[in-house]
N, C-alpha and C. Protein backbone atom coordinates (compact mmCIF):
# COMPACT_ATOMS: atom_id res chain seq x y z
N MET A 1 122.11 94.70 98.11
CA MET A 1 121.24 93.76 98.09
C MET A 1 121.77 92.48 97.36
N VAL A 2 122.67 92.60 96.48
CA VAL A 2 123.32 91.61 95.88
C VAL A 2 124.11 90.85 96.98
N ASP A 3 124.80 91.47 97.63
CA ASP A 3 125.52 90.68 98.69
C ASP A 3 124.53 89.94 99.73
N THR A 4 123.45 90.46 99.99
CA THR A 4 122.35 89.63 100.80
C THR A 4 121.88 88.53 99.96
N ALA A 5 121.71 88.60 98.72
CA ALA A 5 121.23 87.40 97.95
C ALA A 5 122.25 86.30 97.83
N ILE A 6 123.48 86.78 97.69
CA ILE A 6 124.62 85.79 97.66
C ILE A 6 124.82 85.02 99.01
N ARG A 7 124.92 85.87 100.21
CA ARG A 7 125.18 85.44 101.28
C ARG A 7 124.12 84.55 101.91
N GLU A 8 122.87 84.85 101.67
CA GLU A 8 121.84 84.07 102.17
C GLU A 8 121.10 82.99 101.14
N GLU A 9 121.72 82.97 99.91
CA GLU A 9 121.45 82.09 98.85
C GLU A 9 119.88 82.37 98.60
N LEU A 10 119.52 83.57 98.31
CA LEU A 10 118.19 83.90 98.00
C LEU A 10 118.04 84.09 96.48
N ASP A 11 116.74 83.66 95.97
CA ASP A 11 116.41 83.80 94.68
C ASP A 11 115.90 85.14 94.28
N LEU A 12 115.35 85.88 95.28
CA LEU A 12 114.81 87.16 95.07
C LEU A 12 115.00 88.00 96.29
N VAL A 13 115.61 89.26 96.10
CA VAL A 13 115.79 90.06 97.32
C VAL A 13 114.97 91.29 96.87
N ILE A 14 114.17 91.86 97.89
CA ILE A 14 113.32 93.08 97.78
C ILE A 14 113.77 94.13 98.67
N ALA A 15 114.00 95.35 98.13
CA ALA A 15 114.20 96.53 98.87
C ALA A 15 112.74 96.87 99.61
N SER A 16 112.73 96.89 100.92
CA SER A 16 111.30 97.29 101.51
C SER A 16 111.40 98.54 102.25
N ARG A 17 110.36 99.40 101.91
CA ARG A 17 110.12 100.59 102.74
C ARG A 17 109.44 100.22 104.11
N TYR A 18 109.03 99.18 104.23
CA TYR A 18 108.11 98.75 105.31
C TYR A 18 108.60 97.76 106.51
N LEU A 19 109.98 97.42 106.27
CA LEU A 19 110.58 96.59 107.32
C LEU A 19 111.22 97.62 108.31
N PRO A 20 111.46 97.12 109.59
CA PRO A 20 112.05 97.98 110.57
C PRO A 20 113.38 98.55 109.86
N GLY A 21 113.70 99.66 110.01
CA GLY A 21 114.82 100.28 109.40
C GLY A 21 114.72 100.85 108.08
N GLY A 22 113.73 100.51 107.51
CA GLY A 22 113.23 101.04 106.24
C GLY A 22 112.25 102.20 106.39
N ARG A 23 112.10 103.01 105.56
CA ARG A 23 111.24 104.17 105.69
C ARG A 23 111.09 104.99 104.31
N VAL A 24 110.20 105.97 104.46
CA VAL A 24 109.78 106.68 103.20
C VAL A 24 110.10 108.14 103.76
N VAL A 25 110.90 108.87 102.90
CA VAL A 25 111.25 110.23 103.41
C VAL A 25 110.77 111.32 102.33
N ASN A 26 110.07 112.38 102.77
CA ASN A 26 109.80 113.48 101.76
C ASN A 26 108.67 113.13 100.89
N TRP A 27 108.04 112.22 101.06
CA TRP A 27 106.96 111.72 100.05
C TRP A 27 105.59 112.55 100.42
N PRO A 28 104.91 112.96 99.51
CA PRO A 28 103.59 113.63 99.84
C PRO A 28 102.72 112.55 100.43
N LEU A 29 101.83 113.08 101.25
CA LEU A 29 100.92 112.08 101.96
C LEU A 29 100.10 111.29 101.13
N SER A 30 99.59 111.80 100.01
CA SER A 30 98.75 111.13 98.92
C SER A 30 99.70 109.82 98.46
N ARG A 31 100.84 110.19 98.28
CA ARG A 31 101.74 109.08 97.56
C ARG A 31 102.01 108.07 98.66
N ARG A 32 102.18 108.45 99.82
CA ARG A 32 102.36 107.57 101.04
C ARG A 32 101.16 106.58 101.23
N VAL A 33 100.00 107.14 101.26
CA VAL A 33 98.86 106.42 101.43
C VAL A 33 98.55 105.54 100.34
N LEU A 34 98.79 106.00 99.13
CA LEU A 34 98.49 105.02 97.94
C LEU A 34 99.57 103.82 97.91
N SER A 35 100.73 104.19 98.27
CA SER A 35 101.82 103.06 98.29
C SER A 35 101.40 102.05 99.34
N ARG A 36 101.11 102.55 100.52
CA ARG A 36 100.80 101.66 101.60
C ARG A 36 99.56 100.74 101.41
N THR A 37 98.53 101.59 100.82
CA THR A 37 97.21 100.82 100.48
C THR A 37 97.48 99.63 99.36
N ALA A 38 98.21 100.06 98.45
CA ALA A 38 98.63 99.11 97.35
C ALA A 38 99.25 97.85 97.88
N ASN A 39 100.25 98.17 98.86
CA ASN A 39 100.95 97.13 99.42
C ASN A 39 99.99 96.20 100.30
N LEU A 40 99.17 96.74 100.98
CA LEU A 40 98.20 96.00 101.91
C LEU A 40 97.22 95.16 101.01
N VAL A 41 96.76 95.54 100.02
CA VAL A 41 95.81 94.96 99.17
C VAL A 41 96.63 93.88 98.47
N ALA A 42 97.79 94.18 97.80
CA ALA A 42 98.58 93.16 97.32
C ALA A 42 98.89 91.96 98.20
N HIS A 43 99.45 92.34 99.41
CA HIS A 43 99.59 91.32 100.44
C HIS A 43 98.57 90.50 100.82
N SER A 44 97.40 91.07 100.95
CA SER A 44 96.19 90.28 101.28
C SER A 44 95.77 89.38 100.06
N VAL A 45 95.66 89.84 98.78
CA VAL A 45 95.29 89.12 97.75
C VAL A 45 96.31 87.93 97.29
N LEU A 46 97.64 88.25 97.44
CA LEU A 46 98.57 87.40 96.83
C LEU A 46 99.11 86.30 97.90
N GLN A 47 98.81 86.63 99.17
CA GLN A 47 99.25 85.80 100.27
C GLN A 47 100.75 85.43 100.19
N VAL A 48 101.69 86.42 100.02
CA VAL A 48 102.94 86.24 99.88
C VAL A 48 103.48 86.99 101.07
N PRO A 49 104.45 86.23 101.80
CA PRO A 49 105.08 86.83 103.03
C PRO A 49 106.10 87.88 102.90
N VAL A 50 105.82 89.00 102.21
CA VAL A 50 106.72 90.14 102.22
C VAL A 50 105.91 91.46 102.53
N THR A 51 106.83 92.43 102.94
CA THR A 51 106.15 93.60 103.41
C THR A 51 106.07 94.73 102.36
N ASP A 52 106.69 94.48 101.11
CA ASP A 52 106.55 95.47 100.14
C ASP A 52 106.52 94.89 98.76
N CYS A 53 105.34 94.49 98.40
CA CYS A 53 104.97 93.82 97.11
C CYS A 53 105.23 94.73 95.93
N THR A 54 105.18 95.92 95.98
CA THR A 54 105.16 96.78 94.94
C THR A 54 106.36 97.48 94.47
N THR A 55 107.37 97.35 95.40
CA THR A 55 108.62 97.98 94.93
C THR A 55 109.32 97.38 93.69
N GLY A 56 109.95 98.16 92.81
CA GLY A 56 110.54 97.63 91.63
C GLY A 56 112.12 97.48 91.95
N PHE A 57 112.58 97.64 93.24
CA PHE A 57 113.86 97.54 93.51
C PHE A 57 114.16 96.10 94.12
N ARG A 58 114.43 95.17 93.01
CA ARG A 58 114.62 93.89 93.43
C ARG A 58 115.80 93.20 92.78
N VAL A 59 116.36 92.21 93.19
CA VAL A 59 117.37 91.49 92.62
C VAL A 59 116.94 90.06 92.38
N TYR A 60 116.96 89.40 91.10
CA TYR A 60 116.40 88.15 90.66
C TYR A 60 117.69 87.23 90.56
N SER A 61 117.61 85.95 90.90
CA SER A 61 118.54 84.96 90.54
C SER A 61 118.14 84.45 89.10
N ARG A 62 119.12 83.88 88.41
CA ARG A 62 118.87 83.13 87.28
C ARG A 62 117.66 82.23 87.38
N ARG A 63 117.61 81.42 88.38
CA ARG A 63 116.61 80.43 88.70
C ARG A 63 115.17 81.21 88.80
N ALA A 64 115.17 82.27 89.42
CA ALA A 64 113.90 83.16 89.57
C ALA A 64 113.36 83.60 88.33
N CYS A 65 114.30 84.12 87.54
CA CYS A 65 114.01 84.58 86.23
C CYS A 65 113.38 83.65 85.41
N GLU A 66 113.93 82.26 85.35
CA GLU A 66 113.51 81.20 84.60
C GLU A 66 112.17 80.81 85.10
N VAL A 67 111.65 80.80 86.31
CA VAL A 67 110.45 80.63 86.90
C VAL A 67 109.34 81.68 86.39
N ILE A 68 109.84 82.91 86.44
CA ILE A 68 108.92 83.99 86.07
C ILE A 68 108.69 83.80 84.61
N LEU A 69 109.64 83.63 83.64
CA LEU A 69 109.49 83.48 82.23
C LEU A 69 108.50 82.31 81.92
N ALA A 70 108.66 81.17 82.79
CA ALA A 70 107.83 80.00 82.50
C ALA A 70 106.29 80.28 82.82
N HIS A 71 106.14 81.02 84.04
CA HIS A 71 104.70 81.26 84.43
C HIS A 71 104.20 82.50 83.95
N CYS A 72 104.95 83.56 83.62
CA CYS A 72 104.36 84.73 83.19
C CYS A 72 104.53 85.13 81.87
N GLY A 73 105.57 84.55 81.29
CA GLY A 73 105.99 84.94 79.89
C GLY A 73 106.44 86.49 79.80
N ASN A 74 106.01 86.95 78.77
CA ASN A 74 106.44 88.51 78.59
C ASN A 74 105.21 89.24 78.76
N ARG A 75 104.09 88.97 79.42
CA ARG A 75 102.98 89.71 79.48
C ARG A 75 103.06 90.61 80.85
N GLY A 76 102.20 91.59 80.90
CA GLY A 76 102.17 92.48 82.17
C GLY A 76 103.07 93.53 82.09
N SER A 77 102.59 94.53 82.94
CA SER A 77 103.54 95.69 83.07
C SER A 77 103.26 96.40 84.37
N GLY A 78 104.17 97.12 84.94
CA GLY A 78 103.97 97.86 86.28
C GLY A 78 103.62 96.91 87.46
N PHE A 79 102.56 97.44 88.11
CA PHE A 79 102.28 96.77 89.36
C PHE A 79 101.88 95.29 88.94
N ILE A 80 101.24 95.18 88.02
CA ILE A 80 100.70 93.66 87.71
C ILE A 80 102.02 92.73 87.46
N CYS A 81 102.97 93.35 86.75
CA CYS A 81 104.22 92.42 86.34
C CYS A 81 104.93 92.19 87.69
N LEU A 82 105.17 93.19 88.66
CA LEU A 82 105.77 92.97 89.89
C LEU A 82 104.96 91.81 90.71
N SER A 83 103.67 91.93 90.74
CA SER A 83 102.82 90.99 91.44
C SER A 83 103.05 89.55 90.98
N GLU A 84 102.87 89.44 89.67
CA GLU A 84 102.93 88.10 89.14
C GLU A 84 104.33 87.45 89.26
N SER A 85 105.39 88.39 89.26
CA SER A 85 106.73 87.71 89.31
C SER A 85 106.72 87.15 90.79
N LEU A 86 106.44 88.08 91.70
CA LEU A 86 106.51 87.72 93.21
C LEU A 86 105.78 86.43 93.32
N VAL A 87 104.55 86.30 92.89
CA VAL A 87 103.70 85.10 93.26
C VAL A 87 104.42 83.84 92.40
N ALA A 88 104.95 84.00 91.27
CA ALA A 88 105.56 82.84 90.64
C ALA A 88 106.75 82.36 91.39
N VAL A 89 107.61 83.31 91.93
CA VAL A 89 108.76 82.97 92.62
C VAL A 89 108.39 82.25 94.06
N HIS A 90 107.51 82.85 94.74
CA HIS A 90 106.99 82.37 96.01
C HIS A 90 106.30 81.07 95.80
N TYR A 91 105.45 80.95 95.01
CA TYR A 91 104.64 79.64 94.94
C TYR A 91 105.61 78.55 94.20
N SER A 92 106.65 78.84 93.75
CA SER A 92 107.55 77.82 93.13
C SER A 92 108.42 77.21 94.11
N GLY A 93 108.47 77.73 95.31
CA GLY A 93 109.26 77.37 96.55
C GLY A 93 110.57 77.92 96.45
N LEU A 94 110.92 79.01 95.71
CA LEU A 94 112.10 79.62 95.79
C LEU A 94 112.22 80.47 97.03
N ARG A 95 113.49 80.87 97.42
CA ARG A 95 113.63 81.65 98.68
C ARG A 95 113.57 83.22 98.40
N ILE A 96 112.84 83.92 99.07
CA ILE A 96 112.65 85.40 98.99
C ILE A 96 113.03 86.08 100.29
N GLY A 97 113.89 87.10 100.23
CA GLY A 97 114.20 87.90 101.43
C GLY A 97 114.09 89.31 101.12
N GLU A 98 113.85 90.11 102.15
CA GLU A 98 113.76 91.66 102.02
C GLU A 98 114.86 92.34 102.80
N VAL A 99 115.25 93.45 102.32
CA VAL A 99 116.34 94.33 103.12
C VAL A 99 115.61 95.60 103.22
N PRO A 100 115.74 96.32 104.46
CA PRO A 100 115.14 97.62 104.68
C PRO A 100 115.89 98.56 103.84
N SER A 101 114.99 99.44 103.34
CA SER A 101 115.64 100.54 102.41
C SER A 101 114.83 101.85 102.65
N VAL A 102 115.65 102.99 102.45
CA VAL A 102 114.97 104.27 102.60
C VAL A 102 114.65 104.86 101.24
N PHE A 103 113.40 105.10 101.09
CA PHE A 103 112.91 105.68 99.64
C PHE A 103 112.72 107.16 99.98
N THR A 104 113.31 107.97 99.08
CA THR A 104 113.01 109.50 99.08
C THR A 104 112.29 109.95 97.88
N ASN A 105 111.59 111.01 98.09
CA ASN A 105 110.84 111.65 97.00
C ASN A 105 111.79 111.90 95.66
N ARG A 106 111.24 111.78 94.63
CA ARG A 106 112.11 112.16 93.52
C ARG A 106 112.36 113.77 93.43
N SER A 107 113.57 113.94 92.91
CA SER A 107 113.95 115.43 92.80
C SER A 107 113.43 115.88 91.42
N THR A 108 113.33 114.99 90.46
CA THR A 108 112.91 115.38 89.11
C THR A 108 112.00 114.29 88.66
N GLY A 109 111.13 114.53 87.77
CA GLY A 109 110.22 113.46 87.08
C GLY A 109 109.07 113.34 87.97
N GLY A 110 108.23 112.30 87.66
CA GLY A 110 107.07 111.97 88.34
C GLY A 110 106.84 110.39 88.28
N SER A 111 105.94 110.02 89.08
CA SER A 111 105.63 108.67 89.27
C SER A 111 104.78 108.02 87.91
N ALA A 112 105.14 106.81 87.56
CA ALA A 112 104.39 106.21 86.54
C ALA A 112 103.13 105.74 86.89
N MET A 113 102.92 105.87 88.16
CA MET A 113 101.64 105.24 88.72
C MET A 113 100.62 106.32 88.56
N GLY A 114 99.69 106.11 87.68
CA GLY A 114 98.62 107.19 87.45
C GLY A 114 97.33 106.42 87.60
N LEU A 115 96.21 107.12 87.27
CA LEU A 115 94.97 106.35 87.39
C LEU A 115 94.70 105.27 86.51
N GLY A 116 95.25 105.18 85.30
CA GLY A 116 95.42 104.03 84.38
C GLY A 116 95.93 102.85 85.08
N GLU A 117 97.19 103.15 85.67
CA GLU A 117 97.85 101.88 86.37
C GLU A 117 96.98 101.58 87.58
N ILE A 118 96.46 102.44 88.42
CA ILE A 118 95.71 102.07 89.59
C ILE A 118 94.47 101.23 88.95
N TRP A 119 93.77 101.67 87.98
CA TRP A 119 92.61 101.02 87.48
C TRP A 119 93.11 99.61 86.86
N GLY A 120 94.06 99.60 86.30
CA GLY A 120 94.77 98.30 85.82
C GLY A 120 94.89 97.32 86.81
N GLY A 121 95.40 97.84 87.92
CA GLY A 121 95.72 96.93 89.17
C GLY A 121 94.56 96.45 89.71
N VAL A 122 93.43 97.34 89.89
CA VAL A 122 92.24 96.88 90.39
C VAL A 122 91.56 95.68 89.56
N VAL A 123 91.49 96.21 88.11
CA VAL A 123 90.91 95.11 87.27
C VAL A 123 91.70 93.81 87.18
N GLY A 124 93.05 94.08 87.39
CA GLY A 124 94.06 92.84 87.37
C GLY A 124 94.04 91.94 88.47
N LEU A 125 93.33 92.36 89.64
CA LEU A 125 93.19 91.59 90.91
C LEU A 125 92.63 90.25 90.47
N ALA A 126 91.73 90.21 89.55
CA ALA A 126 91.05 88.74 89.33
C ALA A 126 92.09 88.08 88.79
N ARG A 127 92.78 88.59 87.78
CA ARG A 127 93.76 87.90 87.04
C ARG A 127 94.90 87.37 88.04
N ILE A 128 95.26 88.27 88.91
CA ILE A 128 96.18 87.76 90.00
C ILE A 128 95.68 86.57 90.85
N ARG A 129 94.48 86.73 91.30
CA ARG A 129 93.76 85.58 92.01
C ARG A 129 93.84 84.38 91.16
N GLY A 130 93.53 84.32 89.86
CA GLY A 130 93.55 83.21 89.05
C GLY A 130 94.99 82.64 88.93
N LEU A 131 95.98 83.53 88.89
CA LEU A 131 97.41 83.11 88.85
C LEU A 131 97.93 82.33 90.12
N VAL A 132 97.36 82.93 91.26
CA VAL A 132 97.61 82.38 92.56
C VAL A 132 96.99 80.96 92.64
N ARG A 133 95.90 80.73 92.20
CA ARG A 133 95.13 79.53 92.29
C ARG A 133 95.87 78.52 91.42
N GLU A 134 96.32 78.98 90.11
CA GLU A 134 97.07 78.07 89.21
C GLU A 134 98.46 77.68 89.72
N LEU A 135 98.95 78.59 90.38
CA LEU A 135 100.38 78.24 90.94
C LEU A 135 100.20 77.36 92.12
N ARG A 136 99.13 77.64 92.99
CA ARG A 136 99.03 76.58 94.16
C ARG A 136 98.59 75.22 93.49
N ARG A 137 97.72 75.01 92.47
CA ARG A 137 97.46 73.80 92.07
C ARG A 137 98.76 73.20 91.44
N SER A 138 99.51 73.91 90.66
CA SER A 138 100.84 73.27 90.17
C SER A 138 101.75 72.81 91.23
N GLN A 139 101.80 73.74 92.47
CA GLN A 139 102.67 73.34 93.58
C GLN A 139 102.12 72.11 94.26
N ALA A 140 100.78 72.00 94.39
CA ALA A 140 100.23 70.70 94.96
C ALA A 140 100.53 69.40 94.10
N GLY A 141 100.55 69.67 92.84
CA GLY A 141 100.78 68.62 91.88
C GLY A 141 102.34 68.08 91.94
N LEU A 142 103.20 69.09 92.36
CA LEU A 142 104.72 68.78 92.48
C LEU A 142 104.88 68.02 93.92
N GLY A 143 103.76 67.92 94.64
CA GLY A 143 103.95 67.34 96.02
C GLY A 143 104.78 68.13 97.10
N ARG A 144 104.67 69.39 96.94
CA ARG A 144 105.22 70.33 97.94
C ARG A 144 104.26 70.70 98.94
C-alpha cells in the first residue's frame, strides 16, 4: 500500500475488500452482510468515490493527516472517525486510491463492531451529513 501511495502520489490509500481482486474469506454470513451494508450506507451518505469506506487499513500522507486534524480534530472513534477522515480528505481535493485486498476471519479475538458501535453509526449519520455539507461549503469557498 505504501508503494502504491508513493508511486501514484496519493494522499490516502485504502485496502478494499470490494474492488475486483479483493475479497472476504471465511467470514460468517452475518459479518459479511453487516460489512457490506455499512459500506453501502456510508458510500451513499458520504458521496465519496471509494468501494470500502469502513476499512481501517489505510495509509495517510502527512498532508492528509493535517487536513483530518484541521477538520475533525481528535473527536470521533471507530466507524464515525473513519468516515469523517475520508470525507475530510476527499472534499479537500486530495487524491484517494484503493488497492484490492483479501480479508480473512480472525483466528483469535472478536470484532470491535458491536451494537453500540452500530447504533453510534446510525445516530452519527446526521453528524456526517452535516460534516459533508460543511466541507462542500468550504470547498466552494475555495473556488474548487
